[in-house]
Protein backbone atom coordinates (compact mmCIF):
# COMPACT_ATOMS: atom_id res chain seq x y z
CA ILE A 1 108.62 90.30 71.04
CA THR A 2 107.00 90.87 74.77
CA VAL A 3 105.98 94.46 73.69
CA MET A 4 104.24 93.37 70.53
CA ARG A 5 101.77 90.98 72.52
CA ARG A 6 100.69 94.08 73.77
CA VAL A 7 100.06 95.86 70.64
CA ASP A 8 96.37 95.98 69.83
CA ILE A 9 95.47 97.82 66.82
CA THR A 10 95.85 96.50 62.82
CA GLU A 11 96.94 98.20 59.73
CA GLY A 12 94.08 100.48 58.75
CA GLN A 13 92.46 100.85 61.85
CA VAL A 14 90.74 103.99 62.35
CA PHE A 15 92.47 106.48 64.65
CA ASN A 16 91.12 106.64 68.15
CA PRO A 17 93.37 108.15 70.72
CA ALA A 18 91.70 106.00 73.53
CA THR A 19 93.01 103.02 71.90
CA LEU A 20 96.84 104.27 71.64
CA SER A 21 96.35 105.16 75.40
CA GLY A 22 95.15 101.39 76.94
CA MET A 23 97.96 100.17 74.63
CA ARG A 24 100.41 102.39 76.33
CA GLY A 25 98.91 100.98 79.84
CA ALA A 26 99.06 97.45 78.40
CA ILE A 27 102.84 97.95 77.56
CA ASN A 28 103.77 99.91 80.89
CA GLU A 29 101.92 97.11 83.03
CA LEU A 30 105.05 94.62 82.36
CA GLY A 31 106.63 96.54 85.14
CA VAL A 32 110.31 96.58 83.36
CA PHE A 33 109.76 99.82 81.46
CA ASP A 34 110.61 103.39 83.02
CA SER A 35 108.92 105.07 80.26
CA VAL A 36 106.30 104.46 77.19
CA THR A 37 105.52 106.37 75.00
CA VAL A 38 102.87 105.33 71.67
CA GLN A 39 102.41 107.88 69.38
CA LEU A 40 101.86 108.74 65.38
CA SER A 41 104.94 108.96 63.26
CA GLY A 42 105.05 111.12 60.25
CA LEU A 43 102.48 113.78 61.40
CA ARG A 44 104.50 116.95 59.88
CA ALA A 45 104.40 115.46 56.43
CA VAL A 46 100.90 114.87 56.36
CA ASP A 47 98.91 116.01 53.48
CA ARG A 48 95.90 118.27 54.87
CA SER A 49 93.87 118.00 51.94
CA ALA A 50 93.73 114.28 51.58
CA GLU A 51 90.64 112.70 53.11
CA GLN A 52 92.57 109.59 54.42
CA VAL A 53 96.03 109.09 55.23
CA GLU A 54 97.94 106.05 56.87
CA LEU A 55 100.45 106.74 59.74
CA PRO A 56 102.73 104.42 61.40
CA VAL A 57 102.46 104.02 65.17
CA GLU A 58 105.76 104.46 67.02
CA ILE A 59 106.42 102.67 70.22
CA ILE A 60 109.26 104.31 72.57
CA VAL A 61 110.29 102.36 75.67
CA SER A 62 113.17 103.06 78.12
CA GLU A 63 114.20 99.94 80.17
CA ARG A 64 114.25 100.32 84.12
CA LYS A 65 117.03 98.26 86.28
CA PHE A 66 115.91 94.95 86.15
CA ARG A 67 117.21 94.07 89.70
CA THR A 68 115.71 95.73 92.88
CA ILE A 69 116.00 95.25 96.69
CA GLY A 70 113.59 96.50 99.20
CA GLY A 71 111.96 95.86 102.42
CA GLY A 72 109.81 96.85 104.94
CA VAL A 73 109.32 96.80 108.98
CA SER A 74 106.35 96.45 111.08
CA LEU A 75 106.02 97.09 115.05
CA SER A 76 103.17 96.94 117.28
CA THR A 77 102.26 96.26 121.18
CA ASP A 78 100.40 92.99 120.43
CA GLU A 79 102.57 91.57 117.48
CA GLY A 80 105.83 92.52 118.27
CA PHE A 81 108.60 93.50 115.88
CA GLY A 82 108.70 92.45 112.23
CA VAL A 83 110.99 93.04 109.19
CA GLU A 84 110.93 92.04 105.94
CA ALA A 85 113.57 92.03 102.51
CA ARG A 86 112.94 91.64 99.23
CA TRP A 87 114.84 90.74 95.98
CA ARG A 88 113.56 90.95 92.55
CA HIS A 89 114.30 90.58 89.03
CA ARG A 90 112.19 92.13 86.74
CA ASN A 91 113.14 90.42 83.77
CA ILE A 92 115.08 86.99 84.54
CA LEU A 93 114.29 85.20 80.99
CA GLY A 94 114.27 88.08 79.19
CA GLU A 95 110.42 88.33 78.65
CA ALA A 96 109.51 90.31 81.29
CA GLU A 97 108.74 87.12 83.69
CA ARG A 98 109.90 88.29 87.36
CA LEU A 99 111.44 86.20 90.15
CA SER A 100 110.82 87.57 93.37
CA ILE A 101 112.51 86.03 96.71
CA THR A 102 111.41 87.68 100.26
CA ALA A 103 112.44 86.59 103.68
CA SER A 104 110.74 87.69 106.82
CA VAL A 105 111.06 87.47 110.46
CA GLY A 106 108.06 88.58 112.79
CA ARG A 107 106.45 88.87 116.36
CA VAL A 108 109.70 89.39 117.52
CA GLY A 109 109.27 90.64 121.22
CA ALA A 110 105.33 90.02 121.02
CA PRO A 111 104.27 89.56 124.40
CA ASP A 112 101.60 86.85 123.89
CA ALA A 113 103.42 84.91 120.90
CA GLN A 114 104.65 81.59 121.54
CA GLY A 115 107.71 81.96 119.25
CA ILE A 116 109.20 84.19 116.55
CA ASP A 117 107.86 83.81 112.83
CA TYR A 118 110.34 83.01 110.06
CA GLY A 119 109.31 82.73 106.07
CA LEU A 120 111.20 82.55 103.38
CA GLU A 121 109.02 82.83 100.02
CA ALA A 122 110.01 82.32 95.71
CA GLU A 123 107.72 83.62 93.41
CA PHE A 124 107.95 83.50 89.69
CA GLU A 125 105.40 85.69 87.10
CA LYS A 126 105.23 84.98 83.57
CA PRO A 127 103.10 87.44 81.54
CA ASP A 128 100.89 86.71 79.07
CA PHE A 129 100.95 83.37 79.49
CA LEU A 130 99.28 81.54 76.80
CA MET A 131 97.35 84.73 76.09
CA PRO A 132 97.58 88.51 76.32
CA GLY A 133 96.97 89.53 79.74
CA GLN A 134 97.29 86.19 81.40
CA THR A 135 99.81 86.02 84.23
CA LEU A 136 101.24 82.31 85.65
CA PHE A 137 102.26 82.03 88.91
CA LEU A 138 104.65 79.78 90.69
CA GLY A 139 105.65 79.86 94.05
CA ALA A 140 107.04 77.75 97.09
CA SER A 141 107.72 78.85 100.74
CA ALA A 142 108.66 77.58 103.75
CA ILE A 143 106.89 79.24 106.79
CA VAL A 144 107.35 78.93 110.76
CA GLU A 145 104.14 80.70 112.43
CA ALA A 146 103.94 81.05 116.68
CA PRO A 147 100.94 83.31 117.37
CA GLU A 148 99.12 82.63 120.36
CA ALA A 149 96.61 80.33 119.05
CA PHE A 150 98.74 77.81 117.36
CA GLU A 151 102.25 76.83 116.27
CA ARG A 152 102.60 75.92 112.64
CA GLN A 153 105.55 75.05 110.28
CA ALA A 154 104.95 74.31 106.69
CA VAL A 155 106.07 74.19 103.42
CA GLU A 156 104.15 75.40 100.52
CA PHE A 157 103.70 74.97 96.68
CA THR A 158 101.35 77.07 94.43
CA ALA A 159 100.37 77.79 90.83
CA ALA A 160 97.80 80.28 89.74
CA LEU A 161 96.82 81.90 86.99
CA GLU A 162 95.34 85.11 86.98
CA ARG A 163 93.47 87.21 84.53
CA PRO A 164 91.50 90.44 83.82
CA LEU A 165 88.14 89.80 82.90
CA THR A 166 87.34 93.85 82.14
CA ASP A 167 89.30 96.95 83.05
CA SER A 168 88.84 97.06 86.72
CA ILE A 169 87.82 93.17 87.24
CA ASP A 170 90.61 90.31 87.82
CA TRP A 171 89.91 86.60 88.19
CA ARG A 172 92.46 84.23 89.69
CA THR A 173 92.52 80.33 90.37
CA GLY A 174 95.01 78.24 91.49
CA ILE A 175 96.08 75.59 93.46
CA ARG A 176 98.14 75.32 96.99
CA ILE A 177 100.08 72.52 98.50
CA ALA A 178 100.71 72.49 102.12
CA LEU A 179 103.15 70.23 103.92
CA GLU A 180 101.82 71.54 107.51
CA ASN A 181 102.98 70.59 111.06
CA VAL A 182 100.30 72.46 113.54
CA GLN A 183 99.66 72.39 117.09
CA ASP A 184 96.92 73.88 119.23
CA SER A 185 97.85 76.10 121.84
CA ASP A 186 95.76 73.73 124.68
CA ASP A 187 97.24 70.80 122.82
CA PRO A 188 100.26 69.40 123.78
CA ASP A 189 100.35 66.70 120.50
CA SER A 190 101.16 68.49 117.28
CA GLU A 191 99.39 66.90 114.01
CA SER A 192 101.20 66.62 110.69
CA PHE A 193 99.08 66.53 107.70
CA VAL A 194 98.87 68.06 103.83
CA THR A 195 96.59 70.32 102.54
CA VAL A 196 95.49 71.02 99.07
CA ALA A 197 93.19 74.04 98.96
CA PHE A 198 91.87 75.65 95.36
CA PRO A 199 91.38 79.43 95.52
CA ASN A 200 89.10 81.23 93.28
CA SER A 201 89.01 85.28 93.58
CA PHE A 202 87.76 88.02 92.10
CA SER A 203 88.86 91.68 92.49
CA LEU A 204 87.25 94.72 91.38
CA ASP A 205 89.45 97.92 92.03
CA GLU A 206 87.59 101.30 91.01
CA THR A 207 90.52 103.08 93.68
CA ASP A 208 92.89 106.07 92.20
CA ASP A 209 95.47 104.79 94.21
CA LEU A 210 96.89 101.34 95.63
CA LEU A 211 98.82 102.75 98.85
CA ASP A 212 96.54 105.93 99.38
CA PRO A 213 93.51 105.96 97.91
CA THR A 214 91.45 109.40 98.05
CA GLU A 215 88.16 107.92 95.94
CA GLY A 216 86.59 104.96 94.40
CA TYR A 217 85.67 101.51 95.90
CA ALA A 218 87.12 97.87 95.67
CA VAL A 219 85.74 94.50 96.33
CA ASP A 220 87.40 91.11 96.67
CA LEU A 221 85.32 87.78 96.68
CA LEU A 222 87.29 84.29 97.68
CA ALA A 223 85.74 80.88 97.48
CA GLU A 224 88.42 78.20 98.49
CA PRO A 225 87.78 74.52 98.72
CA VAL A 226 90.17 72.82 101.32
CA LEU A 227 91.03 69.10 101.54
CA THR A 228 92.84 68.08 104.54
CA ALA A 229 94.52 64.86 104.60
CA ASN A 230 95.12 63.45 108.23
CA ASP A 231 93.89 60.95 110.72
CA ALA A 232 90.16 62.78 111.01
CA GLY A 233 89.87 64.14 107.11
CA ALA A 234 88.19 66.72 106.57
CA SER A 235 87.05 69.13 103.50
CA TYR A 236 85.50 72.64 103.45
CA THR A 237 85.04 75.76 101.63
CA ILE A 238 86.13 78.84 102.85
CA LEU A 239 84.11 82.07 101.99
CA ARG A 240 85.30 85.87 102.06
CA ALA A 241 83.86 88.91 100.80
CA ASN A 242 85.64 92.19 101.75
CA GLY A 243 84.63 95.82 100.58
CA ARG A 244 86.39 99.13 100.77
CA TYR A 245 84.80 102.27 99.61
CA PHE A 246 86.50 106.25 99.82
CA TRP A 247 85.30 109.61 99.50
CA SER A 248 86.57 113.01 99.48
CA PRO A 249 84.01 116.01 99.78
CA TRP A 250 86.51 118.67 98.57
CA GLU A 251 89.28 118.53 95.55
CA SER A 252 92.08 119.37 97.60
CA ASP A 253 91.28 115.96 99.13
CA ARG A 254 92.03 117.56 102.83
CA ALA A 255 89.75 115.05 104.49
CA ILE A 256 88.80 111.59 103.27
CA PHE A 257 86.31 109.31 104.40
CA ALA A 258 87.26 105.57 104.15
CA MET A 259 85.00 102.61 104.96
CA ARG A 260 85.26 99.24 104.89
CA ALA A 261 83.26 96.03 105.61
CA GLY A 262 84.22 91.86 105.58
CA LEU A 263 82.41 88.72 105.87
CA GLY A 264 83.90 85.02 106.20
CA ALA A 265 82.28 81.95 106.53
CA ILE A 266 83.66 78.46 106.62
CA ILE A 267 81.35 75.51 105.45
CA GLY A 268 81.51 71.75 105.12
CA ALA A 269 83.16 71.02 108.69
CA ASP A 270 83.09 71.74 112.17
CA VAL A 271 85.74 73.40 114.07
CA ASP A 272 87.24 70.52 115.50
CA SER A 273 88.32 69.20 111.97
CA ILE A 274 89.31 72.80 110.88
CA PRO A 275 93.03 72.83 111.64
CA ALA A 276 93.73 75.88 113.86
CA ASN A 277 95.51 78.09 111.19
CA ARG A 278 92.53 77.86 109.00
CA ARG A 279 89.91 79.24 111.10
CA PHE A 280 88.90 82.84 111.58
CA TYR A 281 90.96 85.21 113.85
CA ALA A 282 89.97 88.86 114.87
CA GLY A 283 91.61 91.33 116.46
CA GLY A 284 94.53 93.66 115.76
CA ASP A 285 96.02 96.02 113.30
CA GLY A 286 94.07 95.59 109.86
CA SER A 287 91.04 94.20 111.84
CA VAL A 288 89.62 95.50 114.89
CA ARG A 289 92.25 97.94 116.08
CA GLY A 290 92.34 98.48 120.21
CA TYR A 291 92.45 94.70 120.85
CA ALA A 292 95.43 92.02 120.62
CA PHE A 293 95.91 89.78 117.46
CA GLN A 294 93.47 87.25 117.40
CA ALA A 295 91.88 88.77 120.81
CA VAL A 296 88.40 88.77 119.30
CA GLY A 297 86.39 85.51 118.94
CA PRO A 298 86.36 82.37 121.05
CA GLU A 299 88.57 81.13 123.21
CA ASP A 300 89.62 77.52 124.54
CA ARG A 301 89.66 76.38 128.06
CA ASP A 302 92.98 78.29 128.89
CA GLY A 303 91.81 81.79 127.88
CA ASP A 304 93.92 81.34 124.51
CA PRO A 305 92.28 82.33 121.04
CA SER A 306 91.03 79.07 119.36
CA GLY A 307 89.22 80.75 116.17
CA GLY A 308 86.02 80.25 114.45
CA ARG A 309 83.82 79.68 111.15
CA SER A 310 82.52 83.16 110.54
CA LEU A 311 83.96 86.34 110.92
CA PHE A 312 81.90 90.02 110.62
CA GLU A 313 84.56 92.77 110.23
CA THR A 314 83.77 96.53 109.70
CA GLY A 315 85.40 99.99 110.32
CA VAL A 316 85.73 103.73 109.75
CA GLU A 317 87.69 106.63 109.50
CA THR A 318 88.59 109.90 108.45
CA ARG A 319 91.84 110.79 106.86
CA ILE A 320 92.59 114.79 107.57
CA ARG A 321 95.70 116.45 106.26
CA VAL A 322 96.62 118.98 108.61
CA THR A 323 99.64 119.84 106.13
CA ASP A 324 101.00 118.70 102.98
CA THR A 325 103.11 115.36 104.72
CA ILE A 326 101.51 115.32 108.45
CA GLY A 327 97.35 114.15 108.41
CA ILE A 328 95.88 112.36 111.72
CA VAL A 329 93.14 109.59 111.50
CA PRO A 330 90.38 109.52 113.82
CA PHE A 331 88.89 105.48 113.71
CA VAL A 332 86.21 103.55 114.58
CA ASP A 333 86.68 99.53 114.17
CA ALA A 334 84.40 96.43 114.89
CA GLY A 335 84.23 92.75 114.59
CA MET A 336 83.44 89.43 115.96
CA VAL A 337 83.89 85.95 115.12
CA THR A 338 81.70 83.14 116.01
CA GLU A 339 81.80 79.22 116.13
CA GLU A 340 78.93 78.63 113.47
CA SER A 341 79.21 78.69 109.84
CA PHE A 342 77.56 82.20 109.76
CA VAL A 343 77.85 84.80 111.66
CA ASP A 344 75.54 85.14 114.75
CA PHE A 345 74.81 88.55 115.65
CA SER A 346 73.15 87.99 118.86
CA GLU A 347 76.75 87.73 120.12
CA ASP A 348 78.56 90.40 121.65
CA LEU A 349 80.25 92.90 118.79
CA ARG A 350 83.72 94.15 119.66
CA VAL A 351 84.50 97.89 119.40
CA GLY A 352 87.47 99.77 119.38
CA ALA A 353 88.31 103.45 118.55
CA GLY A 354 91.26 105.63 118.47
CA LEU A 355 93.78 107.97 116.39
CA GLY A 356 96.19 107.41 114.03
CA LEU A 357 99.24 109.98 112.93
CA ARG A 358 100.49 109.97 109.03
CA TYR A 359 103.63 111.34 107.97
CA PHE A 360 103.28 111.12 104.00
CA THR A 361 106.11 110.18 101.88
CA GLY A 362 106.53 110.02 98.01
CA PHE A 363 106.38 106.22 98.10
CA GLY A 364 103.11 105.93 100.47
CA PRO A 365 102.09 107.36 104.47
CA LEU A 366 104.14 105.71 107.12
CA ARG A 367 101.42 105.07 109.68
CA VAL A 368 101.08 105.10 113.48
CA ASP A 369 97.81 104.10 115.38
CA LEU A 370 96.63 104.27 119.02
CA GLY A 371 93.23 101.80 119.51
CA VAL A 372 91.54 101.53 122.77
CA PRO A 373 88.84 98.68 123.47
CA LEU A 374 85.56 100.21 124.21
CA ASN A 375 83.73 97.07 125.32
CA ALA A 376 87.00 94.96 126.55
CA ASP A 377 87.12 91.88 128.64
CA ASP A 378 89.10 91.50 131.80
CA ASP A 379 92.08 90.14 129.94
CA ASP A 380 92.28 92.71 126.96
CA ASP A 381 94.96 95.66 127.48
CA ALA A 382 93.72 98.89 128.01
CA PHE A 383 95.43 100.21 124.47
CA GLN A 384 97.51 98.92 121.48
CA ILE A 385 100.08 100.58 119.31
CA TYR A 386 100.77 100.03 115.82
CA PHE A 387 103.23 101.14 113.30
CA SER A 388 103.73 100.36 109.50
CA LEU A 389 103.75 101.36 106.01
CA GLY A 390 100.42 102.51 104.10
CA GLN A 391 96.95 102.92 104.92
CA ALA A 392 94.95 100.24 107.48
CA PHE A 393 92.86 99.54 104.66
């Protein structure tokens, strides 16, 4: 039944190789098969002199292991050590439904963190929900966060629908309800409240690989209305736009130019009415390398990050393969966070630069980056080192 929902042909339809190829891809997206073959059956018995021949379409699949375990580690001078473990069942109810349970620990040994992060998350995915190609997501998580800017304990519940609009554009909408307790770094009192958010996103991906793209571009757009039920009460909307572009001038892919840019804005409420965990921050791995996590942007009276309502980030790097397994990556990142709803480019743009080392494996590159701040403040460190799996963006 699951496979037949992805069959997009009718009896008597004129043969088209692209149709069979697309159907094979749709079946493969279910994630429960090691191999999928879609082909015409009985070609050898065809009467070559006939003007029209009807042939059946044969679908051959080989199931993969349904249960898997996985994990990952991260290490950096600003965020310390982190580890994640994941268990997944790809066919838990018999129709390609997936259940994933993830446990994580982070910021172990981070110099400026207020504590260690903990997380436990369960997510259920139901493909072809109500219509072919549409996926239902249900999730629940328990989170403890303790970066320099705030401390947060939360229980979250999510529900979302995702469906492709075209071959390369996906649309996702949903609701997230969080029971939260948040304490700003400069406030001795914590605050408990309920947050209801309605994230809506569009993703366009024309890249050739998820972990290590060599060409193409991708754009992600987010509009997220948020309601916060606390003493003051606040409603606001978070807007984000991110783009990435990859270009390889040679067929060998020995050198790849990668660029990214992102903008963020929070409208509808002032900074103090927005919980600290939902403000924008910049700095660190995946943001402005060379600066510590959350170190780019406004600070409170104690010199701790306080976040803002607008964000700008950009980065450029050249990914050079020295051998088939070793690569080097010079990079430059820049970014800023301001308290206004839209970025005030008259303020100082923080810039970092550095050099990375890549070791290419069968499941993606292992990454080590050394970044230095080019216009550091007195309290910024001289350098930062990041270790992770996959490219920086």
